[in-house]
Amino acid sequence: MERDWPDNVVQIARMVDASRGGYFRAAYNLAREFRKRGVRVVNRTLYGPPANTADDLGVFRPMPLWAAITSRVRAKHLNLLLEIPLFSLAATWTALRSRDVVLVHNDSFAGDVYRSPSCHREAVDSKKRKGERRWWFFPLHPFWLFREWFVFGRGKRPFLVAVSRACEEEHRRHYGLDPARIEWIPNGVDRDLFRPARDRTALREELGIPRDAFVVLFVGNDFNNKGVSVLIDGVAEAKNSEKLWVAVVGDDARAPYERHAAQRGVADRVNFFGRRNDAEKFYAASDVFVLLSHYEAFGNVAMESLAAGTPVISTKVGGMLDYIEHEGNGLFVERNGDSVARAIDRLVEDEALCGAMRARARPSTEAYDWGAIAERYLDLLGRVAGEKRA
C-alpha cells in the first residue's frame, strides 16, 4: 500500500549528531531513516553536519553567524545562555517561512510537528516536589518554561509528538492539549550500534573492567536527577557489595559523588569515566544498568542498555513504564539505597533470573528500531503536510 509521505521535510535541531545523545541523536537517526526512504531532508542547525559519518543525512543549512557568536564563549553554561535563545529565535523565522512541513526538536517557537523530548513544566514541578532549589539559579529554566507555554499554551498549537505515555499525559494536564493533536511516538534505538558483545571477556579487558566482577552501569548527565548518589548508597548497602564494580559514564561534576562514595566506603568500587563516545561498549560489558531518575520523559539510556542485552533497574517514571517489564527485562525500585541494594543483590544471587532477563532484554526493543519509528513520523508528517497545503 502506497503511503502518503511528504517529499520534503525541514528538520530543526541545534545539532544533528549521534555522538551527542538525547534529541541530537534522535534528529540524526530520523534524518538518516528519512533519506533511506527517499524523503528530501533539510536540516536547519546551529552547526554543520557531524564529523566522521558516512550516513546520508540530507542537506545542512547551519546558522554560521550565531554559531560564531556562541562558540567564542568558553564557559559551558554561559554558552548555552546565548546559544539556545538565539537559535530558537532564528529557527522560528525558518519555521514560519517554510512551505514544507517542519519537524521541530524542541528549539523553536513555531513549527508544524513539535517533538518534545519532555514536559519542562512537569520537570520543574518534580524538582519543587523534592525540595530542590538549585534550578532557580539557572536562568534558562524561565526561558524554557516560557517557550513551552508559547508553543502549547496559546493560540494555534502544533502537532505534539509525545515520546512516552507519561509525556503525553503531562502536556495534556498542563496545557489542555486536544488529544487529536497529540501523537505518541516513542524514541527509537540504533540496534546495530547497541548490541550484545560477541566476546564480553575481551571487551571488559579492553575497557579495564575486572573479568569476574558483577558490573553495574550508569550512563547519563545530570547526576543529581538521575540518582547517582542513590546508586552509590545502594552499592554500599548491598550484601554483595564487595562483588560489585560500578561504571559511571557521563558529563557532570564528579567531585561530590566521589566524596559520597568515599564516605560510604565504596570509593574503590565506583569508577567515573566522564563523557565517552563508546558508551555502547559499556552497555555490552555490564551485568545490569541502573537509572534512578526523579523525572525522565523517555530514558534513552535504558533503551540502549536493553538493546545491548543488559537488563535495567529503574524507578517507575516516564517512558520506562512503557517498555520495562518488571521481572521481565528489568526491575522497578524505589528511589532509595535499600530498594536499590535489594534489587542488585537479587540479580547477583539469582543467576537464573539474571540470565532470563538478559535473554529478554534485546528482543523487547524490536518495535523501537529507528526504521519503524521513522515511518511513524513520516505518516504523521504526511498528514500534516496535507493540512498545510489545504
Protein backbone atom coordinates (compact mmCIF):
# COMPACT_ATOMS: atom_id res chain seq x y z
CA MET A 1 0.00 0.00 0.00
CA GLU A 2 1.36 3.40 -1.01
CA ARG A 3 1.91 5.69 1.92
CA ASP A 4 1.27 9.42 1.83
CA TRP A 5 4.68 10.63 2.91
CA PRO A 6 5.95 14.17 2.28
CA ASP A 7 8.52 14.74 -0.46
CA ASN A 8 10.40 17.26 1.70
CA VAL A 9 10.92 17.68 5.43
CA VAL A 10 12.59 20.59 7.19
CA GLN A 11 14.11 19.40 10.46
CA ILE A 12 15.03 21.98 13.10
CA ALA A 13 17.56 20.94 15.76
CA ARG A 14 20.54 22.72 17.24
CA MET A 15 22.66 19.71 16.35
CA VAL A 16 22.13 16.55 14.32
CA ASP A 17 24.76 14.32 15.86
CA ALA A 18 24.57 10.70 17.01
CA SER A 19 27.56 11.13 19.32
CA ARG A 20 25.80 13.75 21.45
CA GLY A 21 22.86 11.69 22.72
CA GLY A 22 19.36 12.95 23.56
CA TYR A 23 17.37 14.65 20.85
CA PHE A 24 20.52 15.41 18.85
CA ARG A 25 20.85 11.65 18.34
CA ALA A 26 17.12 11.35 17.58
CA ALA A 27 17.41 14.04 14.89
CA TYR A 28 20.38 12.19 13.39
CA ASN A 29 18.59 8.86 13.23
CA LEU A 30 15.40 10.35 11.82
CA ALA A 31 17.33 12.21 9.11
CA ARG A 32 19.15 9.03 8.15
CA GLU A 33 15.98 6.92 8.02
CA PHE A 34 14.02 9.60 6.12
CA ARG A 35 16.76 9.69 3.48
CA LYS A 36 16.74 5.89 3.18
CA ARG A 37 13.05 6.18 2.26
CA GLY A 38 13.65 8.81 -0.41
CA VAL A 39 12.48 11.88 1.51
CA ARG A 40 14.48 15.07 0.97
CA VAL A 41 15.65 16.43 4.32
CA VAL A 42 16.84 19.96 5.05
CA ASN A 43 18.48 20.20 8.48
CA ARG A 44 18.34 23.71 9.93
CA THR A 45 21.01 23.59 12.62
CA LEU A 46 23.33 25.80 14.59
CA TYR A 47 26.38 23.94 13.36
CA GLY A 48 27.12 21.94 10.21
CA PRO A 49 26.94 18.18 9.69
CA PRO A 50 28.64 15.91 12.23
CA ALA A 51 32.18 14.79 11.57
CA ASN A 52 33.15 11.21 10.83
CA THR A 53 29.89 9.89 9.42
CA ALA A 54 29.22 8.23 6.10
CA ASP A 55 25.44 8.33 6.56
CA ASP A 56 23.30 10.37 4.18
CA LEU A 57 21.57 12.88 6.45
CA GLY A 58 20.29 15.27 3.78
CA VAL A 59 21.15 18.92 3.28
CA PHE A 60 22.54 21.03 6.14
CA ARG A 61 21.82 24.74 6.39
CA PRO A 62 23.64 25.88 9.52
CA MET A 63 23.44 29.32 11.09
CA PRO A 64 27.13 30.38 10.96
CA LEU A 65 26.60 33.85 12.42
CA TRP A 66 25.00 32.56 15.63
CA ALA A 67 27.48 29.68 15.81
CA ALA A 68 30.37 32.14 15.51
CA ILE A 69 28.96 34.22 18.37
CA THR A 70 28.22 31.36 20.76
CA SER A 71 31.38 29.36 20.01
CA ARG A 72 33.52 32.24 21.29
CA VAL A 73 32.10 31.76 24.78
CA ARG A 74 34.08 29.07 26.55
CA ALA A 75 32.07 28.80 29.76
CA LYS A 76 29.61 25.96 29.22
CA HIS A 77 26.53 27.44 30.90
CA LEU A 78 27.11 30.93 29.53
CA ASN A 79 27.45 29.41 26.08
CA LEU A 80 24.05 27.75 26.46
CA LEU A 81 22.51 31.01 27.70
CA LEU A 82 23.41 32.54 24.34
CA GLU A 83 23.06 29.51 22.10
CA ILE A 84 19.59 28.30 22.97
CA PRO A 85 17.63 31.60 22.83
CA LEU A 86 19.46 32.83 19.72
CA PHE A 87 18.90 29.59 17.88
CA SER A 88 15.26 29.42 18.98
CA LEU A 89 14.57 32.86 17.50
CA ALA A 90 16.37 32.13 14.23
CA ALA A 91 14.69 28.72 13.97
CA THR A 92 11.27 30.30 14.48
CA TRP A 93 11.87 32.55 11.48
CA THR A 94 12.79 29.48 9.41
CA ALA A 95 9.69 27.58 10.54
CA LEU A 96 7.32 30.45 9.79
CA ARG A 97 8.70 30.94 6.28
CA SER A 98 8.84 27.29 5.24
CA ARG A 99 6.37 25.93 2.70
CA ASP A 100 7.46 22.38 3.51
CA VAL A 101 6.39 20.54 6.63
CA VAL A 102 8.61 21.42 9.61
CA LEU A 103 9.65 18.96 12.31
CA VAL A 104 10.99 20.76 15.39
CA HIS A 105 13.18 19.18 18.03
CA ASN A 106 12.32 21.49 20.91
CA ASP A 107 14.33 24.61 19.96
CA SER A 108 11.80 26.88 18.23
CA PHE A 109 8.69 28.93 18.97
CA ALA A 110 6.97 27.64 15.81
CA GLY A 111 6.72 24.51 13.68
CA ASP A 112 4.19 22.07 12.24
CA VAL A 113 5.15 18.99 14.26
CA TYR A 114 6.85 19.56 17.61
CA ARG A 115 8.80 16.66 19.02
CA SER A 116 9.00 17.48 22.71
CA PRO A 117 11.63 15.37 24.49
CA SER A 118 9.99 16.20 27.83
CA CYS A 119 7.41 18.42 29.51
CA HIS A 120 9.59 21.06 31.13
CA ARG A 121 6.82 22.33 33.39
CA GLU A 122 6.44 18.84 34.83
CA ALA A 123 10.21 18.51 35.22
CA VAL A 124 10.34 21.75 37.22
CA ASP A 125 7.35 20.69 39.31
CA SER A 126 9.14 17.44 40.14
CA LYS A 127 12.13 19.46 41.37
CA LYS A 128 9.83 21.56 43.53
CA ARG A 129 8.18 18.46 45.00
CA LYS A 130 11.52 17.07 46.15
CA GLY A 131 12.53 20.46 47.60
CA GLU A 132 15.31 21.16 45.15
CA ARG A 133 16.21 24.83 44.77
CA ARG A 134 19.29 24.82 42.53
CA TRP A 135 17.16 25.13 39.39
CA TRP A 136 16.17 28.67 40.47
CA PHE A 137 19.69 29.85 39.75
CA PHE A 138 19.85 28.66 36.13
CA PRO A 139 18.12 31.34 34.02
CA LEU A 140 17.37 29.03 31.10
CA HIS A 141 14.57 27.42 33.10
CA PRO A 142 12.30 30.50 32.82
CA PHE A 143 13.11 30.70 29.12
CA TRP A 144 12.25 27.03 28.57
CA LEU A 145 9.02 27.39 30.54
CA PHE A 146 8.02 30.48 28.54
CA ARG A 147 8.84 28.82 25.21
CA GLU A 148 6.84 25.71 26.15
CA TRP A 149 3.85 27.85 27.18
CA PHE A 150 4.14 29.91 23.99
CA VAL A 151 4.07 26.79 21.83
CA PHE A 152 1.42 24.75 23.67
CA GLY A 153 -0.48 27.13 25.94
CA ARG A 154 -1.95 29.61 23.47
CA GLY A 155 -3.43 30.07 20.01
CA LYS A 156 -3.00 27.55 17.21
CA ARG A 157 -0.89 24.73 18.52
CA PRO A 158 1.34 22.39 16.53
CA PHE A 159 1.00 18.64 16.49
CA LEU A 160 2.83 17.28 19.50
CA VAL A 161 4.89 14.12 19.31
CA ALA A 162 5.00 12.75 22.86
CA VAL A 163 7.86 10.31 23.38
CA SER A 164 6.08 8.44 26.18
CA ARG A 165 2.58 7.96 27.56
CA ALA A 166 3.63 9.92 30.64
CA CYS A 167 4.88 12.81 28.48
CA GLU A 168 1.55 12.83 26.62
CA GLU A 169 -0.41 12.95 29.87
CA GLU A 170 1.78 15.74 31.28
CA HIS A 171 1.26 18.00 28.26
CA ARG A 172 -2.49 17.38 28.31
CA ARG A 173 -2.69 18.12 32.05
CA HIS A 174 -0.58 21.28 31.99
CA TYR A 175 -1.69 22.78 28.66
CA GLY A 176 -5.10 21.26 27.93
CA LEU A 177 -3.99 19.89 24.55
CA ASP A 178 -6.54 18.29 22.24
CA PRO A 179 -5.80 14.53 22.17
CA ALA A 180 -6.43 14.60 18.41
CA ARG A 181 -3.33 16.76 18.01
CA ILE A 182 -1.05 14.51 20.03
CA GLU A 183 0.77 11.54 18.55
CA TRP A 184 2.56 9.07 20.80
CA ILE A 185 5.75 8.04 19.02
CA PRO A 186 8.45 6.69 21.32
CA ASN A 187 12.11 7.24 20.75
CA GLY A 188 13.92 4.61 18.76
CA VAL A 189 17.20 2.86 19.33
CA ASP A 190 20.02 2.02 16.95
CA ARG A 191 20.04 -1.75 17.32
CA ASP A 192 23.08 -2.06 15.08
CA LEU A 193 25.17 0.16 17.36
CA PHE A 194 23.76 -1.08 20.67
CA ARG A 195 24.00 -4.86 20.64
CA PRO A 196 25.37 -7.67 22.84
CA ALA A 197 29.12 -8.27 22.76
CA ARG A 198 30.46 -11.24 20.83
CA ASP A 199 33.20 -11.65 23.45
CA ARG A 200 32.33 -9.92 26.70
CA THR A 201 35.55 -11.03 28.40
CA ALA A 202 37.67 -9.38 25.70
CA LEU A 203 35.51 -6.26 25.83
CA ARG A 204 35.95 -5.98 29.59
CA GLU A 205 39.69 -6.30 29.17
CA GLU A 206 39.65 -3.50 26.58
CA LEU A 207 37.75 -1.20 28.95
CA GLY A 208 39.78 -2.08 32.03
CA ILE A 209 36.87 -3.82 33.77
CA PRO A 210 37.62 -6.79 36.06
CA ARG A 211 36.71 -10.05 34.31
CA ASP A 212 34.75 -11.65 37.15
CA ALA A 213 33.09 -8.62 38.73
CA PHE A 214 29.34 -8.02 38.71
CA VAL A 215 29.30 -4.79 36.69
CA VAL A 216 26.71 -2.12 37.49
CA LEU A 217 26.48 0.66 34.89
CA PHE A 218 25.16 4.21 34.84
CA VAL A 219 25.24 6.35 31.69
CA GLY A 220 23.96 9.92 31.57
CA ASN A 221 24.36 13.53 32.61
CA ASP A 222 22.57 15.39 35.41
CA PHE A 223 23.80 13.02 38.11
CA ASN A 224 21.50 14.59 40.69
CA ASN A 225 18.22 13.99 38.88
CA LYS A 226 19.28 10.56 37.64
CA GLY A 227 20.22 9.29 41.07
CA VAL A 228 23.97 8.64 41.12
CA SER A 229 24.08 9.31 44.89
CA VAL A 230 21.27 6.80 45.42
CA LEU A 231 23.12 4.26 43.28
CA ILE A 232 26.21 4.72 45.46
CA ASP A 233 24.04 4.19 48.55
CA GLY A 234 22.65 1.01 47.03
CA VAL A 235 26.13 -0.33 46.28
CA ALA A 236 27.25 0.45 49.83
CA GLU A 237 24.20 -1.26 51.37
CA ALA A 238 24.19 -4.36 49.16
CA LYS A 239 25.05 -7.66 50.86
CA ASN A 240 27.18 -8.49 47.83
CA SER A 241 28.85 -5.09 47.73
CA GLU A 242 32.38 -6.48 47.51
CA LYS A 243 31.50 -8.32 44.28
CA LEU A 244 30.32 -5.13 42.56
CA TRP A 245 32.19 -2.87 40.15
CA VAL A 246 30.38 0.33 39.16
CA ALA A 247 31.00 2.34 35.97
CA VAL A 248 29.63 5.90 35.85
CA VAL A 249 29.77 7.26 32.30
CA GLY A 250 28.63 10.84 31.72
CA ASP A 251 29.37 14.53 31.81
CA ASP A 252 28.74 16.14 35.19
CA ALA A 253 30.74 17.35 38.17
CA ARG A 254 32.09 14.16 39.70
CA ALA A 255 33.78 15.51 42.84
CA PRO A 256 30.66 15.49 45.10
CA TYR A 257 29.90 11.92 44.08
CA GLU A 258 33.48 10.77 44.56
CA ARG A 259 33.31 12.21 48.08
CA HIS A 260 29.99 10.46 48.68
CA ALA A 261 31.45 7.14 47.52
CA ALA A 262 34.41 7.64 49.87
CA GLN A 263 32.09 8.48 52.78
CA ARG A 264 30.10 5.30 52.11
CA GLY A 265 33.29 3.21 51.92
CA VAL A 266 32.92 2.18 48.26
CA ALA A 267 35.33 4.54 46.51
CA ASP A 268 37.32 1.53 45.30
CA ARG A 269 34.20 0.14 43.58
CA VAL A 270 32.78 3.28 41.94
CA ASN A 271 34.64 4.36 38.80
CA PHE A 272 33.98 7.62 36.93
CA PHE A 273 34.77 7.66 33.21
CA GLY A 274 33.46 11.08 32.17
CA ARG A 275 31.94 11.65 28.75
CA ARG A 276 32.67 8.82 26.30
CA ASN A 277 31.93 8.27 22.63
CA ASP A 278 31.90 4.49 23.08
CA ALA A 279 29.10 4.05 25.62
CA GLU A 280 27.80 1.11 23.58
CA LYS A 281 30.82 -0.91 24.77
CA PHE A 282 29.98 -0.26 28.42
CA TYR A 283 26.39 -1.40 27.94
CA ALA A 284 27.53 -4.66 26.35
CA ALA A 285 30.17 -5.27 29.03
CA SER A 286 27.84 -4.78 32.02
CA ASP A 287 25.57 -7.08 34.02
CA VAL A 288 22.91 -4.50 34.87
CA PHE A 289 22.16 -0.87 34.07
CA VAL A 290 20.73 1.43 36.77
CA LEU A 291 18.69 4.61 36.20
CA LEU A 292 17.09 6.20 39.28
CA SER A 293 15.61 9.40 37.88
CA HIS A 294 13.12 11.66 39.65
CA TYR A 295 11.84 12.74 36.22
CA GLU A 296 12.52 11.12 32.86
CA ALA A 297 10.42 11.64 29.74
CA PHE A 298 11.69 8.54 27.94
CA GLY A 299 15.02 7.25 29.19
CA ASN A 300 17.06 6.69 26.02
CA VAL A 301 19.92 5.20 28.00
CA ALA A 302 17.72 2.47 29.46
CA MET A 303 16.50 1.55 25.97
CA GLU A 304 20.10 1.46 24.71
CA SER A 305 21.03 -0.87 27.55
CA LEU A 306 18.21 -3.25 26.69
CA ALA A 307 19.24 -3.27 23.03
CA ALA A 308 22.72 -4.32 24.19
CA GLY A 309 21.17 -7.22 26.09
CA THR A 310 21.65 -5.73 29.56
CA PRO A 311 18.65 -5.59 31.93
CA VAL A 312 17.67 -2.40 33.71
CA ILE A 313 16.97 -1.40 37.31
CA SER A 314 14.82 1.73 37.22
CA THR A 315 12.46 3.96 39.11
CA LYS A 316 8.84 3.97 37.93
CA VAL A 317 8.88 7.15 35.87
CA GLY A 318 8.34 8.32 32.32
CA GLY A 319 8.98 6.15 29.32
CA MET A 320 10.41 3.30 31.36
CA LEU A 321 6.84 2.44 32.31
CA ASP A 322 6.16 1.85 28.61
CA TYR A 323 8.96 -0.60 27.85
CA ILE A 324 10.32 -2.11 31.06
CA GLU A 325 8.53 -5.21 32.30
CA HIS A 326 9.17 -5.88 35.98
CA GLU A 327 10.99 -9.21 36.33
CA GLY A 328 10.90 -9.50 32.54
CA ASN A 329 13.64 -7.25 31.15
CA GLY A 330 14.22 -5.24 34.31
CA LEU A 331 13.29 -4.44 37.88
CA PHE A 332 11.46 -1.42 39.24
CA VAL A 333 12.67 0.02 42.54
CA GLU A 334 12.01 2.87 44.93
CA ARG A 335 14.47 5.76 44.87
CA ASN A 336 16.42 4.83 47.98
CA GLY A 337 19.55 2.86 48.75
CA ASP A 338 17.80 -0.06 50.45
CA SER A 339 15.50 -0.75 47.50
CA VAL A 340 18.37 -0.49 45.02
CA ALA A 341 20.59 -2.75 47.17
CA ARG A 342 17.90 -5.45 47.35
CA ALA A 343 17.43 -5.38 43.56
CA ILE A 344 21.17 -5.66 42.89
CA ASP A 345 21.55 -8.47 45.45
CA ARG A 346 18.68 -10.33 43.83
CA LEU A 347 20.39 -10.33 40.45
CA VAL A 348 23.79 -11.23 41.90
CA GLU A 349 22.36 -14.16 43.83
CA ASP A 350 19.77 -15.43 41.32
CA GLU A 351 21.77 -16.26 38.20
CA ALA A 352 18.74 -17.89 36.55
CA LEU A 353 16.65 -14.71 36.89
CA CYS A 354 19.51 -12.51 35.72
CA GLY A 355 20.10 -14.77 32.71
CA ALA A 356 16.41 -14.82 31.82
CA MET A 357 16.24 -11.04 31.98
CA ARG A 358 19.31 -10.76 29.75
CA ALA A 359 17.66 -13.08 27.25
CA ARG A 360 14.50 -10.92 27.16
CA ALA A 361 16.27 -7.55 27.07
CA ARG A 362 17.20 -7.21 23.39
CA PRO A 363 14.01 -8.78 21.95
CA SER A 364 11.98 -6.22 23.94
CA THR A 365 13.46 -3.42 21.77
CA GLU A 366 12.45 -4.79 18.36
CA ALA A 367 9.48 -2.44 17.97
CA TYR A 368 11.74 0.52 18.74
CA ASP A 369 14.08 0.16 15.77
CA TRP A 370 14.65 3.61 14.25
CA GLY A 371 13.42 2.49 10.84
CA ALA A 372 9.96 1.62 12.19
CA ILE A 373 9.86 4.78 14.32
CA ALA A 374 10.83 6.99 11.35
CA GLU A 375 7.95 5.58 9.30
CA ARG A 376 5.51 6.58 12.03
CA TYR A 377 6.93 10.10 11.86
CA LEU A 378 6.56 10.16 8.07
CA ASP A 379 2.93 9.03 8.33
CA LEU A 380 2.23 11.94 10.69
CA LEU A 381 4.28 14.44 8.66
CA GLY A 382 2.41 13.40 5.53
CA ARG A 383 -0.95 14.12 7.16
CA VAL A 384 0.24 17.48 8.47
CA ALA A 385 1.75 18.41 5.10
CA GLY A 386 -1.66 17.74 3.52
CA GLU A 387 -3.31 20.08 6.03
CA LYS A 388 -0.68 22.71 5.35
CA ARG A 389 -1.33 22.61 1.59
CA ALA A 390 -5.11 22.78 2.03
